[in-house]
N, C-alpha and C. Protein backbone atom coordinates (compact mmCIF):
# COMPACT_ATOMS: atom_id res chain seq x y z
N MET A 1 85.91 52.28 76.13
CA MET A 1 85.46 53.51 77.02
C MET A 1 86.09 53.29 78.26
N GLN A 2 85.85 51.99 79.15
CA GLN A 2 85.96 52.15 80.58
C GLN A 2 87.62 52.21 80.69
N ASN A 3 88.41 51.75 79.77
CA ASN A 3 89.73 51.76 79.56
C ASN A 3 90.23 53.32 79.77
N LEU A 4 89.75 53.99 78.83
CA LEU A 4 90.06 55.82 78.85
C LEU A 4 89.88 56.47 80.18
N GLY A 5 88.71 55.97 80.98
CA GLY A 5 87.61 56.23 81.95
C GLY A 5 89.18 56.10 83.37
N LYS A 6 89.68 54.70 83.15
CA LYS A 6 90.54 54.18 83.89
C LYS A 6 92.05 55.01 83.97
N GLU A 7 92.25 55.17 82.55
CA GLU A 7 93.88 56.23 82.58
C GLU A 7 93.26 57.38 83.13
N SER A 8 92.15 58.03 83.00
CA SER A 8 91.82 59.70 83.45
C SER A 8 91.83 59.59 84.78
N VAL A 9 91.50 58.32 85.23
CA VAL A 9 91.58 58.27 87.23
C VAL A 9 92.90 58.18 87.66
N GLU A 10 93.78 57.36 86.81
CA GLU A 10 94.97 57.48 87.19
C GLU A 10 95.61 58.45 87.01
N LYS A 11 95.92 59.44 86.10
CA LYS A 11 96.41 60.58 85.76
C LYS A 11 96.22 61.62 86.53
N ALA A 12 94.93 61.25 87.06
CA ALA A 12 94.60 62.31 88.01
C ALA A 12 94.85 62.09 89.41
N GLU A 13 95.13 60.66 89.81
CA GLU A 13 95.82 60.40 91.13
C GLU A 13 97.11 60.51 91.08
N GLU A 14 97.70 60.19 89.86
CA GLU A 14 99.38 60.77 90.06
C GLU A 14 99.28 62.18 89.69
N PHE A 15 98.52 63.25 89.50
CA PHE A 15 98.49 65.11 89.55
C PHE A 15 98.59 65.20 91.05
N ALA A 16 97.38 64.65 91.48
CA ALA A 16 97.07 65.06 93.07
C ALA A 16 98.64 64.26 93.99
N ASN A 17 98.95 62.99 93.79
CA ASN A 17 100.00 62.65 93.90
C ASN A 17 101.33 63.87 94.23
N GLN A 18 101.88 64.26 93.15
CA GLN A 18 102.62 65.32 92.67
C GLN A 18 102.37 66.30 93.48
N ASN A 19 100.98 66.94 93.54
CA ASN A 19 100.53 68.17 93.87
C ASN A 19 100.99 68.11 95.44
N GLU A 20 100.29 66.96 96.06
CA GLU A 20 100.46 66.57 97.38
C GLU A 20 102.07 66.93 97.85
N ILE A 21 102.73 66.39 97.12
CA ILE A 21 104.36 66.36 97.56
C ILE A 21 104.84 67.82 97.32
N SER A 22 104.54 68.36 96.31
CA SER A 22 104.75 69.81 96.10
C SER A 22 104.24 70.56 97.26
N LEU A 23 103.05 70.25 97.68
CA LEU A 23 102.38 71.08 98.91
C LEU A 23 103.32 70.97 100.04
N LYS A 24 103.56 69.84 100.15
CA LYS A 24 104.27 69.61 101.54
C LYS A 24 105.83 69.91 101.45
N ALA A 25 106.44 69.93 100.47
CA ALA A 25 107.67 70.65 100.34
C ALA A 25 107.30 72.02 100.34
N ILE A 26 106.33 72.86 100.02
CA ILE A 26 105.96 74.35 99.75
C ILE A 26 105.75 74.59 101.75
N ALA A 27 105.09 73.90 102.20
CA ALA A 27 104.78 73.70 103.76
C ALA A 27 106.13 73.72 104.64
N ALA A 28 106.94 72.75 104.31
CA ALA A 28 107.98 72.91 105.09
C ALA A 28 108.92 73.83 105.03
N GLU A 29 109.30 74.44 103.85
CA GLU A 29 110.07 75.46 103.24
C GLU A 29 109.33 76.77 104.13
N ALA A 30 108.24 76.86 104.22
CA ALA A 30 107.70 78.11 104.91
C ALA A 30 107.68 78.01 106.53
N GLN A 31 107.41 76.68 107.28
CA GLN A 31 108.00 76.45 108.11
C GLN A 31 109.30 76.97 108.83
N ARG A 32 110.38 76.55 107.88
CA ARG A 32 111.82 77.06 107.85
C ARG A 32 112.22 78.15 107.85
N LYS A 33 111.48 78.93 106.86
CA LYS A 33 111.74 80.45 106.88
C LYS A 33 111.01 81.25 107.96
N LEU A 34 109.85 80.75 108.42
CA LEU A 34 109.02 81.20 109.96
C LEU A 34 110.00 80.99 111.15
N LYS A 35 110.55 79.91 111.28
CA LYS A 35 111.49 79.55 112.36
C LYS A 35 112.61 80.60 112.21
N LEU A 36 113.11 80.66 110.82
CA LEU A 36 114.57 81.66 110.77
C LEU A 36 114.26 83.31 111.28
N ALA A 37 112.98 83.55 110.64
CA ALA A 37 112.25 84.99 111.34
C ALA A 37 112.22 85.36 112.73
N GLN A 38 111.70 84.11 113.19
CA GLN A 38 111.35 84.15 114.52
C GLN A 38 113.13 84.28 115.26
N GLU A 39 113.93 83.56 114.92
CA GLU A 39 115.08 83.56 115.52
C GLU A 39 115.88 85.36 115.13
N GLN A 40 115.46 85.33 113.96
CA GLN A 40 116.38 86.80 113.74
C GLN A 40 115.49 87.84 114.82
N VAL A 41 113.90 87.84 114.87
CA VAL A 41 113.23 88.79 115.38
C VAL A 41 113.79 88.81 116.91
N THR A 42 113.81 87.58 117.55
CA THR A 42 113.98 87.19 119.11
C THR A 42 115.39 87.86 119.34
N GLN A 43 116.48 87.70 118.07
CA GLN A 43 117.80 88.43 118.18
C GLN A 43 117.88 89.59 118.26
N LEU A 44 116.90 90.27 117.51
CA LEU A 44 116.84 91.89 117.20
C LEU A 44 116.42 92.47 118.38
N ALA A 45 115.49 91.88 119.19
CA ALA A 45 114.66 92.48 120.31
C ALA A 45 115.71 92.22 121.58
N THR A 46 116.57 91.09 121.67
CA THR A 46 117.42 91.27 122.51
C THR A 46 118.64 91.95 122.54
N THR A 47 119.05 92.74 121.27
CA THR A 47 120.04 93.67 121.05
C THR A 47 119.28 94.91 121.50
N VAL A 48 118.27 94.78 121.14
CA VAL A 48 117.63 96.63 121.60
C VAL A 48 117.31 96.78 122.89
N ASP A 49 116.91 95.64 123.41
CA ASP A 49 116.68 95.75 125.02
C ASP A 49 118.02 96.01 125.47
N LYS A 50 119.23 95.25 125.06
CA LYS A 50 120.49 95.55 125.81
C LYS A 50 120.69 97.08 125.46
N GLN A 51 120.74 97.71 124.47
CA GLN A 51 120.92 98.69 124.15
C GLN A 51 120.54 100.02 124.94
N VAL A 52 119.06 99.52 124.93
CA VAL A 52 118.34 100.62 125.73
C VAL A 52 118.33 100.46 127.00
N LYS A 53 118.84 99.29 127.81
CA LYS A 53 119.20 99.33 129.39
C LYS A 53 120.88 99.90 129.53
N GLU A 54 121.70 99.73 128.16
CA GLU A 54 123.00 100.60 128.67
C GLU A 54 122.26 102.04 128.38
N ASN A 55 121.81 102.47 127.47
CA ASN A 55 121.98 103.85 127.39
C ASN A 55 120.27 104.27 127.03
N PRO A 56 119.23 104.49 128.14
CA PRO A 56 118.02 104.66 127.90
C PRO A 56 117.70 106.38 126.94
N TRP A 57 118.73 107.13 127.32
CA TRP A 57 118.50 108.26 126.85
C TRP A 57 118.02 108.59 125.39
N PRO A 58 118.61 107.70 124.35
CA PRO A 58 118.23 108.43 122.94
C PRO A 58 116.78 107.72 122.91
N ALA A 59 116.80 106.37 123.35
CA ALA A 59 114.98 105.93 123.23
C ALA A 59 114.45 106.67 123.52
N ILE A 60 114.30 107.51 124.81
CA ILE A 60 113.41 108.11 125.31
C ILE A 60 113.07 109.33 124.82
N ALA A 61 114.14 110.06 123.96
CA ALA A 61 114.13 110.88 123.04
C ALA A 61 113.27 110.90 121.76
N GLY A 62 113.96 109.35 121.51
CA GLY A 62 113.08 109.01 120.19
C GLY A 62 111.55 108.95 120.41
N VAL A 63 110.85 108.43 121.24
CA VAL A 63 109.68 108.40 121.84
C VAL A 63 109.36 109.25 121.82
N ALA A 64 109.60 110.54 122.61
CA ALA A 64 109.40 111.81 122.63
C ALA A 64 108.84 112.63 121.25
N VAL A 65 110.23 112.70 120.61
CA VAL A 65 110.05 112.84 119.22
C VAL A 65 108.77 112.80 118.28
N GLY A 66 108.95 111.28 118.31
CA GLY A 66 107.79 110.19 117.94
C GLY A 66 105.96 110.56 118.27
N CYS A 67 106.28 111.42 119.63
CA CYS A 67 104.71 111.50 120.52
C CYS A 67 104.82 112.64 119.66
N LEU A 68 105.72 113.68 119.76
CA LEU A 68 105.56 115.25 119.09
C LEU A 68 104.95 115.31 117.80
N PHE A 69 105.61 114.48 117.18
CA PHE A 69 105.01 114.30 115.67
C PHE A 69 103.47 113.82 115.53
N LEU A 70 103.24 112.74 116.34
CA LEU A 70 102.08 112.21 115.97
C LEU A 70 100.91 112.95 116.45
N GLY A 71 101.50 113.73 117.84
CA GLY A 71 100.42 114.97 118.20
C GLY A 71 100.04 115.90 117.46
N PHE A 72 100.96 116.39 116.77
CA PHE A 72 100.95 117.40 115.61
C PHE A 72 100.09 117.13 114.79
N ILE A 73 100.23 115.84 114.05
CA ILE A 73 99.62 115.33 112.97
C ILE A 73 97.93 115.20 113.44
N MET A 74 97.96 114.22 114.46
CA MET A 74 96.46 114.24 114.75
C MET A 74 95.79 115.63 115.50
N GLY A 75 96.47 116.78 116.09
CA GLY A 75 96.18 117.97 116.38
C GLY A 75 95.66 119.01 115.07
N SER A 76 96.80 118.93 114.09
CA SER A 76 96.14 119.78 112.98
C SER A 76 94.85 119.55 112.61
N LYS A 77 94.32 120.49 112.33
CA LYS A 77 92.70 120.47 111.19
C LYS A 77 92.92 121.24 110.45
N ASN A 78 91.92 120.88 109.31
CA ASN A 78 91.75 121.45 107.81
C ASN A 78 91.18 122.80 108.07
N LYS A 79 91.81 123.75 107.70
CA LYS A 79 91.23 125.12 108.19
C LYS A 79 90.96 125.75 106.86
N ASN A 80 89.33 125.82 106.43
CA ASN A 80 89.64 126.68 105.31
C ASN A 80 88.88 127.80 105.51
């Protein structure tokens, strides 16, 4: 009977060790993907900043149109 309990404990420890290794691999992959995403966002922000500084009028027009639509949506009332 004790042998059965000992085998169960050993199997549980082996299972826990395998899951720990798996979780560490998943965490490492998540950190790698997060770092890659941060680099891409930084690169995109730098590109957008450079383009807006070189030619600001399309950005200003885009913001104005966006605000116009937002104001239209927020200002419309349901008139029954």
